[in-house]
């Protein structure tokens, strides 16, 4: 008769099968791990580094916020609730990617539809739903809200200039006034845009000479990113706008119907002075003139 212990002898292998599998077991083979899992695993070191830095990510090397190189942004839960894309940020490269995607998608819906009340927004091609210096204003907002969490110094948290905030607000007003871009906006749209300007220009440093100008962060296309409508409206306005060098650099005349930029020609001429008399002659003439004035 077979001993009952023989049948029980296989139990230890069964018990350990889930703990230590043999080499090549499909459950632990690298080919059994999906690409999504590999991406998550690859991101773990960077995410861990961000956590080790107190949940702050340096903007050093950022192409989206090049004028904010000495700043850092927080990735704490409070800021993630306002800017959900931050949960996927672990370094400046992932920040640039996520911010660019946010500006083209969620930001358009949150800002123009939900806040400013725009209807019939074109989400297929939202490039013209871009107020001047939008990315710069977002960089500034993220930095200012990270000052305490990331212990940023005054030099590391320089705000954008108040006139950049004004450019942004004026451009928002143009977007919401264009029925092709924003039909039937909120009746409070002017107050809401004024609030955007106030929030943007609130830091004390916004009125100092050390503030960050929008052109320093977004020099291309006059700060309108890929918005041809914004660029053309700005350069067609005449006055000081039409002589802004960015209109020439962006090729506004070629890209915009009816935009004619003034010709820029030198208005100052300089001539080289030439001597007509020697110091001795001048002095003698002066003496002679003085003597002729006597009785």
C-alpha atoms as a PDB file:
ATOM      1  CA  UNK A   1       0.000   0.000   0.000  1.00  0.00           C
ATOM      2  CA  UNK A   2       1.321   3.482  -0.941  1.00  0.00           C
ATOM      3  CA  UNK A   3       2.087   5.670   1.988  1.00  0.00           C
ATOM      4  CA  UNK A   4      -0.052   8.802   2.280  1.00  0.00           C
ATOM      5  CA  UNK A   5       3.200  10.784   2.710  1.00  0.00           C
ATOM      6  CA  UNK A   6       4.158  10.179  -0.928  1.00  0.00           C
ATOM      7  CA  UNK A   7       1.190  12.136  -2.205  1.00  0.00           C
ATOM      8  CA  UNK A   8       1.901  14.891   0.309  1.00  0.00           C
ATOM      9  CA  UNK A   9       5.495  15.208  -0.852  1.00  0.00           C
ATOM     10  CA  UNK A  10       4.473  17.527  -3.703  1.00  0.00           C
ATOM     11  CA  UNK A  11       2.934  20.077  -1.338  1.00  0.00           C
ATOM     12  CA  UNK A  12       6.151  22.103  -0.596  1.00  0.00           C
ATOM     13  CA  UNK A  13       6.759  22.674  -4.348  1.00  0.00           C
ATOM     14  CA  UNK A  14       3.188  23.804  -4.746  1.00  0.00           C
ATOM     15  CA  UNK A  15       3.495  26.123  -1.766  1.00  0.00           C
ATOM     16  CA  UNK A  16       6.684  27.730  -3.099  1.00  0.00           C
ATOM     17  CA  UNK A  17       5.567  27.952  -6.706  1.00  0.00           C
ATOM     18  CA  UNK A  18       4.167  31.457  -6.177  1.00  0.00           C
ATOM     19  CA  UNK A  19       7.274  32.694  -4.339  1.00  0.00           C
ATOM     20  CA  UNK A  20      10.336  31.587  -6.284  1.00  0.00           C
ATOM     21  CA  UNK A  21       9.723  30.611  -9.906  1.00  0.00           C
ATOM     22  CA  UNK A  22      12.250  28.941 -12.114  1.00  0.00           C
ATOM     23  CA  UNK A  23      14.202  30.952 -14.718  1.00  0.00           C
ATOM     24  CA  UNK A  24      12.132  31.398 -17.847  1.00  0.00           C
ATOM     25  CA  UNK A  25       8.795  31.037 -16.052  1.00  0.00           C
ATOM     26  CA  UNK A  26       6.275  33.080 -18.129  1.00  0.00           C
ATOM     27  CA  UNK A  27       5.073  34.967 -15.053  1.00  0.00           C
ATOM     28  CA  UNK A  28       8.484  36.568 -14.491  1.00  0.00           C
ATOM     29  CA  UNK A  29       9.857  36.628 -18.040  1.00  0.00           C
ATOM     30  CA  UNK A  30      10.586  40.177 -19.318  1.00  0.00           C
ATOM     31  CA  UNK A  31       8.496  39.458 -22.398  1.00  0.00           C
ATOM     32  CA  UNK A  32       5.472  38.998 -20.146  1.00  0.00           C
ATOM     33  CA  UNK A  33       5.663  42.628 -18.920  1.00  0.00           C
ATOM     34  CA  UNK A  34       3.555  44.981 -21.034  1.00  0.00           C
ATOM     35  CA  UNK A  35       4.952  48.211 -22.523  1.00  0.00           C
ATOM     36  CA  UNK A  36       2.796  50.340 -20.199  1.00  0.00           C
ATOM     37  CA  UNK A  37       4.303  48.651 -17.169  1.00  0.00           C
ATOM     38  CA  UNK A  38       7.801  49.207 -18.552  1.00  0.00           C
ATOM     39  CA  UNK A  39       7.088  52.933 -18.970  1.00  0.00           C
ATOM     40  CA  UNK A  40       5.895  53.154 -15.380  1.00  0.00           C
ATOM     41  CA  UNK A  41       8.991  51.334 -14.151  1.00  0.00           C
ATOM     42  CA  UNK A  42      11.246  53.627 -16.198  1.00  0.00           C
ATOM     43  CA  UNK A  43       9.632  56.693 -14.651  1.00  0.00           C
ATOM     44  CA  UNK A  44      10.009  55.490 -11.066  1.00  0.00           C
ATOM     45  CA  UNK A  45      13.590  56.750 -10.505  1.00  0.00           C
ATOM     46  CA  UNK A  46      12.700  60.282 -11.689  1.00  0.00           C
ATOM     47  CA  UNK A  47       9.502  60.322  -9.653  1.00  0.00           C
ATOM     48  CA  UNK A  48      11.425  59.129  -6.607  1.00  0.00           C
ATOM     49  CA  UNK A  49      13.976  61.904  -7.135  1.00  0.00           C
ATOM     50  CA  UNK A  50      11.186  64.485  -7.319  1.00  0.00           C
ATOM     51  CA  UNK A  51       9.748  63.177  -4.070  1.00  0.00           C
ATOM     52  CA  UNK A  52      13.190  63.246  -2.454  1.00  0.00           C
ATOM     53  CA  UNK A  53      13.413  66.926  -3.433  1.00  0.00           C
ATOM     54  CA  UNK A  54      10.319  67.719  -1.399  1.00  0.00           C
ATOM     55  CA  UNK A  55       7.937  67.303  -4.323  1.00  0.00           C
ATOM     56  CA  UNK A  56       9.592  70.082  -6.339  1.00  0.00           C
ATOM     57  CA  UNK A  57      10.844  69.901  -9.919  1.00  0.00           C
ATOM     58  CA  UNK A  58      13.521  72.257 -11.189  1.00  0.00           C
ATOM     59  CA  UNK A  59      12.830  74.216 -14.382  1.00  0.00           C
ATOM     60  CA  UNK A  60      16.513  74.150 -15.269  1.00  0.00           C
ATOM     61  CA  UNK A  61      16.676  73.160 -18.941  1.00  0.00           C
ATOM     62  CA  UNK A  62      12.974  73.823 -19.582  1.00  0.00           C
ATOM     63  CA  UNK A  63      12.145  74.938 -23.129  1.00  0.00           C
ATOM     64  CA  UNK A  64       8.589  75.955 -22.189  1.00  0.00           C
ATOM     65  CA  UNK A  65       9.733  78.303 -19.406  1.00  0.00           C
ATOM     66  CA  UNK A  66      13.271  79.312 -20.461  1.00  0.00           C
ATOM     67  CA  UNK A  67      13.101  82.616 -18.580  1.00  0.00           C
ATOM     68  CA  UNK A  68      12.405  80.767 -15.292  1.00  0.00           C
ATOM     69  CA  UNK A  69      15.543  78.602 -15.234  1.00  0.00           C
ATOM     70  CA  UNK A  70      16.371  79.249 -11.567  1.00  0.00           C
ATOM     71  CA  UNK A  71      12.850  78.394 -10.359  1.00  0.00           C
ATOM     72  CA  UNK A  72      11.188  75.148  -9.329  1.00  0.00           C
ATOM     73  CA  UNK A  73       7.560  74.079  -9.340  1.00  0.00           C
ATOM     74  CA  UNK A  74       5.752  72.050  -6.714  1.00  0.00           C
ATOM     75  CA  UNK A  75       4.004  68.786  -7.483  1.00  0.00           C
ATOM     76  CA  UNK A  76       2.035  68.613  -4.246  1.00  0.00           C
ATOM     77  CA  UNK A  77      -1.612  67.595  -4.186  1.00  0.00           C
ATOM     78  CA  UNK A  78      -2.900  71.144  -3.745  1.00  0.00           C
ATOM     79  CA  UNK A  79      -1.330  72.275  -7.019  1.00  0.00           C
ATOM     80  CA  UNK A  80      -2.241  69.039  -8.803  1.00  0.00           C
ATOM     81  CA  UNK A  81      -5.900  69.720  -8.063  1.00  0.00           C
ATOM     82  CA  UNK A  82      -5.592  72.957 -10.028  1.00  0.00           C
ATOM     83  CA  UNK A  83      -3.193  71.643 -12.674  1.00  0.00           C
ATOM     84  CA  UNK A  84      -3.806  67.877 -12.999  1.00  0.00           C
ATOM     85  CA  UNK A  85      -1.011  67.419 -15.549  1.00  0.00           C
ATOM     86  CA  UNK A  86       1.537  67.937 -12.756  1.00  0.00           C
ATOM     87  CA  UNK A  87       0.910  64.407 -11.508  1.00  0.00           C
ATOM     88  CA  UNK A  88       2.800  63.182 -14.585  1.00  0.00           C
ATOM     89  CA  UNK A  89       5.757  65.557 -14.143  1.00  0.00           C
ATOM     90  CA  UNK A  90       9.070  64.295 -12.815  1.00  0.00           C
ATOM     91  CA  UNK A  91      11.650  66.538 -14.522  1.00  0.00           C
ATOM     92  CA  UNK A  92      11.890  69.529 -16.846  1.00  0.00           C
ATOM     93  CA  UNK A  93      11.473  67.403 -19.985  1.00  0.00           C
ATOM     94  CA  UNK A  94       8.233  65.804 -18.802  1.00  0.00           C
ATOM     95  CA  UNK A  95       7.095  69.222 -17.573  1.00  0.00           C
ATOM     96  CA  UNK A  96       7.586  70.744 -21.035  1.00  0.00           C
ATOM     97  CA  UNK A  97       5.681  67.910 -22.692  1.00  0.00           C
ATOM     98  CA  UNK A  98       2.790  67.938 -20.242  1.00  0.00           C
ATOM     99  CA  UNK A  99       2.461  71.754 -20.193  1.00  0.00           C
ATOM    100  CA  UNK A 100       2.373  71.941 -24.001  1.00  0.00           C
ATOM    101  CA  UNK A 101      -0.332  69.276 -24.121  1.00  0.00           C
ATOM    102  CA  UNK A 102      -2.296  71.023 -21.360  1.00  0.00           C
ATOM    103  CA  UNK A 103      -2.275  74.386 -23.160  1.00  0.00           C
ATOM    104  CA  UNK A 104      -3.739  72.778 -26.296  1.00  0.00           C
ATOM    105  CA  UNK A 105      -6.411  70.696 -24.553  1.00  0.00           C
ATOM    106  CA  UNK A 106      -7.589  71.011 -20.951  1.00  0.00           C
ATOM    107  CA  UNK A 107      -6.599  74.664 -20.611  1.00  0.00           C
ATOM    108  CA  UNK A 108      -8.741  75.682 -23.591  1.00  0.00           C
ATOM    109  CA  UNK A 109     -11.759  73.972 -22.093  1.00  0.00           C
ATOM    110  CA  UNK A 110     -11.132  75.147 -18.522  1.00  0.00           C
ATOM    111  CA  UNK A 111     -10.356  78.759 -19.393  1.00  0.00           C
ATOM    112  CA  UNK A 112     -12.408  79.613 -22.457  1.00  0.00           C
ATOM    113  CA  UNK A 113     -15.412  77.343 -22.084  1.00  0.00           C
ATOM    114  CA  UNK A 114     -15.825  76.832 -18.349  1.00  0.00           C
ATOM    115  CA  UNK A 115     -14.614  80.226 -17.074  1.00  0.00           C
ATOM    116  CA  UNK A 116     -15.081  82.744 -19.885  1.00  0.00           C
ATOM    117  CA  UNK A 117     -18.213  81.016 -21.186  1.00  0.00           C
ATOM    118  CA  UNK A 118     -17.226  80.567 -24.842  1.00  0.00           C
ATOM    119  CA  UNK A 119     -19.488  78.377 -26.960  1.00  0.00           C
ATOM    120  CA  UNK A 120     -18.707  76.471 -30.164  1.00  0.00           C
ATOM    121  CA  UNK A 121     -14.989  76.210 -29.343  1.00  0.00           C
ATOM    122  CA  UNK A 122     -12.995  74.432 -32.046  1.00  0.00           C
ATOM    123  CA  UNK A 123     -11.237  71.687 -30.125  1.00  0.00           C
ATOM    124  CA  UNK A 124     -10.021  70.049 -33.328  1.00  0.00           C
ATOM    125  CA  UNK A 125      -7.700  72.994 -34.005  1.00  0.00           C
ATOM    126  CA  UNK A 126      -7.481  75.173 -30.867  1.00  0.00           C
ATOM    127  CA  UNK A 127      -4.273  76.947 -31.937  1.00  0.00           C
ATOM    128  CA  UNK A 128      -6.044  80.311 -32.273  1.00  0.00           C
ATOM    129  CA  UNK A 129      -7.463  80.005 -28.736  1.00  0.00           C
ATOM    130  CA  UNK A 130      -4.136  81.267 -27.464  1.00  0.00           C
ATOM    131  CA  UNK A 131      -3.853  84.662 -25.814  1.00  0.00           C
ATOM    132  CA  UNK A 132      -0.502  86.357 -26.077  1.00  0.00           C
ATOM    133  CA  UNK A 133       2.072  84.960 -23.628  1.00  0.00           C
ATOM    134  CA  UNK A 134      -0.292  82.269 -22.277  1.00  0.00           C
ATOM    135  CA  UNK A 135       2.539  79.832 -21.571  1.00  0.00           C
ATOM    136  CA  UNK A 136       4.559  82.552 -19.833  1.00  0.00           C
ATOM    137  CA  UNK A 137       1.610  83.446 -17.605  1.00  0.00           C
ATOM    138  CA  UNK A 138       1.162  79.765 -16.698  1.00  0.00           C
ATOM    139  CA  UNK A 139       4.879  79.391 -15.920  1.00  0.00           C
ATOM    140  CA  UNK A 140       4.593  82.422 -13.659  1.00  0.00           C
ATOM    141  CA  UNK A 141       1.472  81.124 -11.902  1.00  0.00           C
ATOM    142  CA  UNK A 142       3.094  77.757 -11.193  1.00  0.00           C
ATOM    143  CA  UNK A 143       6.266  79.360  -9.839  1.00  0.00           C
ATOM    144  CA  UNK A 144       4.437  81.881  -7.643  1.00  0.00           C
ATOM    145  CA  UNK A 145       2.304  79.120  -6.146  1.00  0.00           C
ATOM    146  CA  UNK A 146       5.439  77.076  -5.421  1.00  0.00           C
ATOM    147  CA  UNK A 147       7.426  79.734  -3.546  1.00  0.00           C
ATOM    148  CA  UNK A 148       6.625  78.427  -0.064  1.00  0.00           C
ATOM    149  CA  UNK A 149       6.606  74.710  -0.874  1.00  0.00           C
ATOM    150  CA  UNK A 150       9.906  74.830  -2.775  1.00  0.00           C
ATOM    151  CA  UNK A 151      11.477  77.552  -0.586  1.00  0.00           C
ATOM    152  CA  UNK A 152      12.271  79.771  -3.544  1.00  0.00           C
ATOM    153  CA  UNK A 153      14.301  82.920  -2.987  1.00  0.00           C
ATOM    154  CA  UNK A 154      13.352  86.279  -4.450  1.00  0.00           C
ATOM    155  CA  UNK A 155      15.840  85.799  -7.286  1.00  0.00           C
ATOM    156  CA  UNK A 156      14.514  82.319  -8.053  1.00  0.00           C
ATOM    157  CA  UNK A 157      10.879  83.405  -8.093  1.00  0.00           C
ATOM    158  CA  UNK A 158      10.982  86.612 -10.140  1.00  0.00           C
ATOM    159  CA  UNK A 159       7.465  87.263 -11.499  1.00  0.00           C
ATOM    160  CA  UNK A 160       6.454  88.358 -14.979  1.00  0.00           C
ATOM    161  CA  UNK A 161       6.134  92.076 -15.637  1.00  0.00           C
ATOM    162  CA  UNK A 162       2.780  93.775 -15.203  1.00  0.00           C
ATOM    163  CA  UNK A 163       2.786  94.908 -18.835  1.00  0.00           C
ATOM    164  CA  UNK A 164       3.139  91.288 -19.930  1.00  0.00           C
ATOM    165  CA  UNK A 165       0.062  90.516 -17.849  1.00  0.00           C
ATOM    166  CA  UNK A 166      -1.686  93.399 -19.605  1.00  0.00           C
ATOM    167  CA  UNK A 167      -0.700  92.004 -23.030  1.00  0.00           C
ATOM    168  CA  UNK A 168      -2.148  88.649 -21.995  1.00  0.00           C
ATOM    169  CA  UNK A 169      -5.422  90.158 -20.759  1.00  0.00           C
ATOM    170  CA  UNK A 170      -5.865  92.353 -23.847  1.00  0.00           C
ATOM    171  CA  UNK A 171      -5.311  89.316 -26.035  1.00  0.00           C
ATOM    172  CA  UNK A 172      -7.873  87.306 -24.043  1.00  0.00           C
ATOM    173  CA  UNK A 173     -10.334  90.121 -24.749  1.00  0.00           C
ATOM    174  CA  UNK A 174      -9.644  89.856 -28.485  1.00  0.00           C
ATOM    175  CA  UNK A 175     -10.166  86.081 -28.459  1.00  0.00           C
ATOM    176  CA  UNK A 176     -13.478  86.303 -26.600  1.00  0.00           C
ATOM    177  CA  UNK A 177     -14.665  89.137 -28.872  1.00  0.00           C
ATOM    178  CA  UNK A 178     -14.119  87.041 -32.012  1.00  0.00           C
ATOM    179  CA  UNK A 179     -17.417  85.244 -32.731  1.00  0.00           C
ATOM    180  CA  UNK A 180     -15.606  82.710 -34.919  1.00  0.00           C
ATOM    181  CA  UNK A 181     -13.510  81.662 -31.934  1.00  0.00           C
ATOM    182  CA  UNK A 182     -15.819  82.318 -28.983  1.00  0.00           C
ATOM    183  CA  UNK A 183     -19.540  82.708 -29.549  1.00  0.00           C
ATOM    184  CA  UNK A 184     -21.815  83.991 -26.791  1.00  0.00           C
ATOM    185  CA  UNK A 185     -19.210  84.456 -24.024  1.00  0.00           C
ATOM    186  CA  UNK A 186     -20.183  85.060 -20.407  1.00  0.00           C
ATOM    187  CA  UNK A 187     -21.800  88.445 -19.695  1.00  0.00           C
ATOM    188  CA  UNK A 188     -19.113  88.854 -17.008  1.00  0.00           C
ATOM    189  CA  UNK A 189     -16.271  88.218 -19.440  1.00  0.00           C
ATOM    190  CA  UNK A 190     -14.707  91.670 -18.954  1.00  0.00           C
ATOM    191  CA  UNK A 191     -14.658  91.292 -15.168  1.00  0.00           C
ATOM    192  CA  UNK A 192     -13.196  87.801 -15.478  1.00  0.00           C
ATOM    193  CA  UNK A 193     -10.415  88.991 -17.773  1.00  0.00           C
ATOM    194  CA  UNK A 194      -9.665  91.889 -15.430  1.00  0.00           C
ATOM    195  CA  UNK A 195      -9.368  89.342 -12.618  1.00  0.00           C
ATOM    196  CA  UNK A 196      -6.830  87.397 -14.694  1.00  0.00           C
ATOM    197  CA  UNK A 197      -4.753  90.552 -15.071  1.00  0.00           C
ATOM    198  CA  UNK A 198      -4.964  91.318 -11.354  1.00  0.00           C
ATOM    199  CA  UNK A 199      -3.878  87.806 -10.351  1.00  0.00           C
ATOM    200  CA  UNK A 200      -1.014  87.816 -12.825  1.00  0.00           C
ATOM    201  CA  UNK A 201       0.346  91.230 -11.800  1.00  0.00           C
ATOM    202  CA  UNK A 202      -0.210  90.796  -8.051  1.00  0.00           C
ATOM    203  CA  UNK A 203       3.400  89.982  -6.978  1.00  0.00           C
ATOM    204  CA  UNK A 204       5.307  93.061  -5.805  1.00  0.00           C
ATOM    205  CA  UNK A 205       8.122  92.402  -8.249  1.00  0.00           C
ATOM    206  CA  UNK A 206       5.809  92.726 -11.250  1.00  0.00           C
ATOM    207  CA  UNK A 207       6.457  96.471 -11.310  1.00  0.00           C
ATOM    208  CA  UNK A 208      10.227  96.378 -10.853  1.00  0.00           C
ATOM    209  CA  UNK A 209      12.999  96.385 -13.435  1.00  0.00           C
ATOM    210  CA  UNK A 210      13.859  92.800 -12.478  1.00  0.00           C
ATOM    211  CA  UNK A 211      10.563  91.303 -13.614  1.00  0.00           C
ATOM    212  CA  UNK A 212      10.433  88.798 -16.484  1.00  0.00           C
ATOM    213  CA  UNK A 213       9.191  90.188 -19.802  1.00  0.00           C
ATOM    214  CA  UNK A 214       6.997  87.956 -21.928  1.00  0.00           C
ATOM    215  CA  UNK A 215       9.276  88.389 -24.918  1.00  0.00           C
ATOM    216  CA  UNK A 216      12.154  86.877 -22.928  1.00  0.00           C
ATOM    217  CA  UNK A 217      10.174  83.663 -22.460  1.00  0.00           C
ATOM    218  CA  UNK A 218       8.229  83.541 -25.736  1.00  0.00           C
ATOM    219  CA  UNK A 219      10.152  85.491 -28.377  1.00  0.00           C
ATOM    220  CA  UNK A 220       8.685  83.704 -31.394  1.00  0.00           C
ATOM    221  CA  UNK A 221       5.551  84.807 -33.283  1.00  0.00           C
ATOM    222  CA  UNK A 222       5.184  87.883 -31.046  1.00  0.00           C
ATOM    223  CA  UNK A 223       4.259  85.591 -28.132  1.00  0.00           C
ATOM    224  CA  UNK A 224       1.217  84.067 -29.852  1.00  0.00           C
ATOM    225  CA  UNK A 225       2.626  80.517 -30.199  1.00  0.00           C
ATOM    226  CA  UNK A 226       0.842  78.992 -33.230  1.00  0.00           C
ATOM    227  CA  UNK A 227      -2.000  81.509 -33.343  1.00  0.00           C
ATOM    228  CA  UNK A 228      -1.974  83.189 -36.746  1.00  0.00           C
ATOM    229  CA  UNK A 229      -5.157  85.092 -35.866  1.00  0.00           C
ATOM    230  CA  UNK A 230      -3.540  86.603 -32.781  1.00  0.00           C
ATOM    231  CA  UNK A 231      -0.378  87.560 -34.642  1.00  0.00           C
ATOM    232  CA  UNK A 232      -2.264  89.187 -37.522  1.00  0.00           C
ATOM    233  CA  UNK A 233      -4.607  91.144 -35.261  1.00  0.00           C
ATOM    234  CA  UNK A 234      -1.669  92.435 -33.273  1.00  0.00           C
ATOM    235  CA  UNK A 235       0.458  93.493 -36.241  1.00  0.00           C
ATOM    236  CA  UNK A 236      -2.516  94.957 -38.151  1.00  0.00           C
ATOM    237  CA  UNK A 237      -3.491  97.237 -35.257  1.00  0.00           C
ATOM    238  CA  UNK A 238      -1.112  99.960 -36.407  1.00  0.00           C
ATOM    239  CA  UNK A 239       0.642 102.398 -34.141  1.00  0.00           C
ATOM    240  CA  UNK A 240       3.454 101.018 -32.041  1.00  0.00           C
ATOM    241  CA  UNK A 241       2.379  97.439 -32.777  1.00  0.00           C
ATOM    242  CA  UNK A 242       3.120  97.763 -36.476  1.00  0.00           C
ATOM    243  CA  UNK A 243       6.709  98.797 -35.780  1.00  0.00           C
ATOM    244  CA  UNK A 244       7.329  95.989 -33.293  1.00  0.00           C
ATOM    245  CA  UNK A 245      10.284  94.039 -34.646  1.00  0.00           C
ATOM    246  CA  UNK A 246       8.518  90.769 -33.880  1.00  0.00           C
ATOM    247  CA  UNK A 247       5.981  91.528 -36.658  1.00  0.00           C
ATOM    248  CA  UNK A 248       8.831  91.720 -39.157  1.00  0.00           C
ATOM    249  CA  UNK A 249      10.581  88.659 -37.735  1.00  0.00           C
ATOM    250  CA  UNK A 250       7.337  86.637 -37.867  1.00  0.00           C
ATOM    251  CA  UNK A 251       6.716  87.583 -41.504  1.00  0.00           C
ATOM    252  CA  UNK A 252       3.361  89.196 -40.748  1.00  0.00           C
ATOM    253  CA  UNK A 253       3.068  90.885 -44.154  1.00  0.00           C
ATOM    254  CA  UNK A 254       3.482  87.556 -45.913  1.00  0.00           C
ATOM    255  CA  UNK A 255       1.223  85.582 -43.589  1.00  0.00           C
ATOM    256  CA  UNK A 256      -1.558  88.081 -42.914  1.00  0.00           C
ATOM    257  CA  UNK A 257      -3.996  89.519 -45.455  1.00  0.00           C
ATOM    258  CA  UNK A 258      -4.107  93.298 -45.464  1.00  0.00           C
ATOM    259  CA  UNK A 259      -1.179  93.781 -43.107  1.00  0.00           C
ATOM    260  CA  UNK A 260       1.248  96.394 -44.389  1.00  0.00           C
ATOM    261  CA  UNK A 261       4.149  97.145 -42.123  1.00  0.00           C
ATOM    262  CA  UNK A 262       5.864 100.525 -42.428  1.00  0.00           C
ATOM    263  CA  UNK A 263       9.295 100.635 -43.953  1.00  0.00           C
ATOM    264  CA  UNK A 264      11.957 101.078 -41.345  1.00  0.00           C
ATOM    265  CA  UNK A 265      14.645 103.520 -42.469  1.00  0.00           C
ATOM    266  CA  UNK A 266      17.363 105.278 -40.483  1.00  0.00           C
ATOM    267  CA  UNK A 267      16.197 108.678 -39.235  1.00  0.00           C
ATOM    268  CA  UNK A 268      19.428 109.855 -37.646  1.00  0.00           C
ATOM    269  CA  UNK A 269      22.538 110.871 -39.576  1.00  0.00           C
ATOM    270  CA  UNK A 270      25.915 111.577 -38.114  1.00  0.00           C
ATOM    271  CA  UNK A 271      28.570 113.830 -39.698  1.00  0.00           C
ATOM    272  CA  UNK A 272      32.217 114.061 -38.790  1.00  0.00           C
ATOM    273  CA  UNK A 273      33.077 117.572 -37.537  1.00  0.00           C
ATOM    274  CA  UNK A 274      35.997 119.302 -39.246  1.00  0.00           C
ATOM    275  CA  UNK A 275      38.235 121.998 -37.787  1.00  0.00           C
ATOM    276  CA  UNK A 276      38.062 125.379 -39.581  1.00  0.00           C
ATOM    277  CA  UNK A 277      40.605 127.276 -37.513  1.00  0.00           C
ATOM    278  CA  UNK A 278      43.442 126.573 -35.168  1.00  0.00           C
ATOM    279  CA  UNK A 279      43.209 127.271 -31.417  1.00  0.00           C
ATOM    280  CA  UNK A 280      45.780 130.061 -31.809  1.00  0.00           C
ATOM    281  CA  UNK A 281      43.732 131.747 -34.538  1.00  0.00           C
ATOM    282  CA  UNK A 282      40.548 131.410 -32.477  1.00  0.00           C
ATOM    283  CA  UNK A 283      42.190 132.931 -29.425  1.00  0.00           C
ATOM    284  CA  UNK A 284      43.617 135.798 -31.474  1.00  0.00           C
ATOM    285  CA  UNK A 285      40.275 136.467 -33.060  1.00  0.00           C
ATOM    286  CA  UNK A 286      38.659 136.567 -29.645  1.00  0.00           C
ATOM    287  CA  UNK A 287      41.176 139.112 -28.397  1.00  0.00           C
ATOM    288  CA  UNK A 288      40.749 141.189 -31.477  1.00  0.00           C
ATOM    289  CA  UNK A 289      37.012 141.133 -31.185  1.00  0.00           C
ATOM    290  CA  UNK A 290      37.224 142.211 -27.577  1.00  0.00           C
ATOM    291  CA  UNK A 291      39.425 145.186 -28.471  1.00  0.00           C
ATOM    292  CA  UNK A 292      37.044 146.295 -31.214  1.00  0.00           C
ATOM    293  CA  UNK A 293      34.328 146.763 -28.658  1.00  0.00           C
ATOM    294  CA  UNK A 294      36.150 149.617 -26.856  1.00  0.00           C
ATOM    295  CA  UNK A 295      35.532 153.359 -27.284  1.00  0.00           C
END
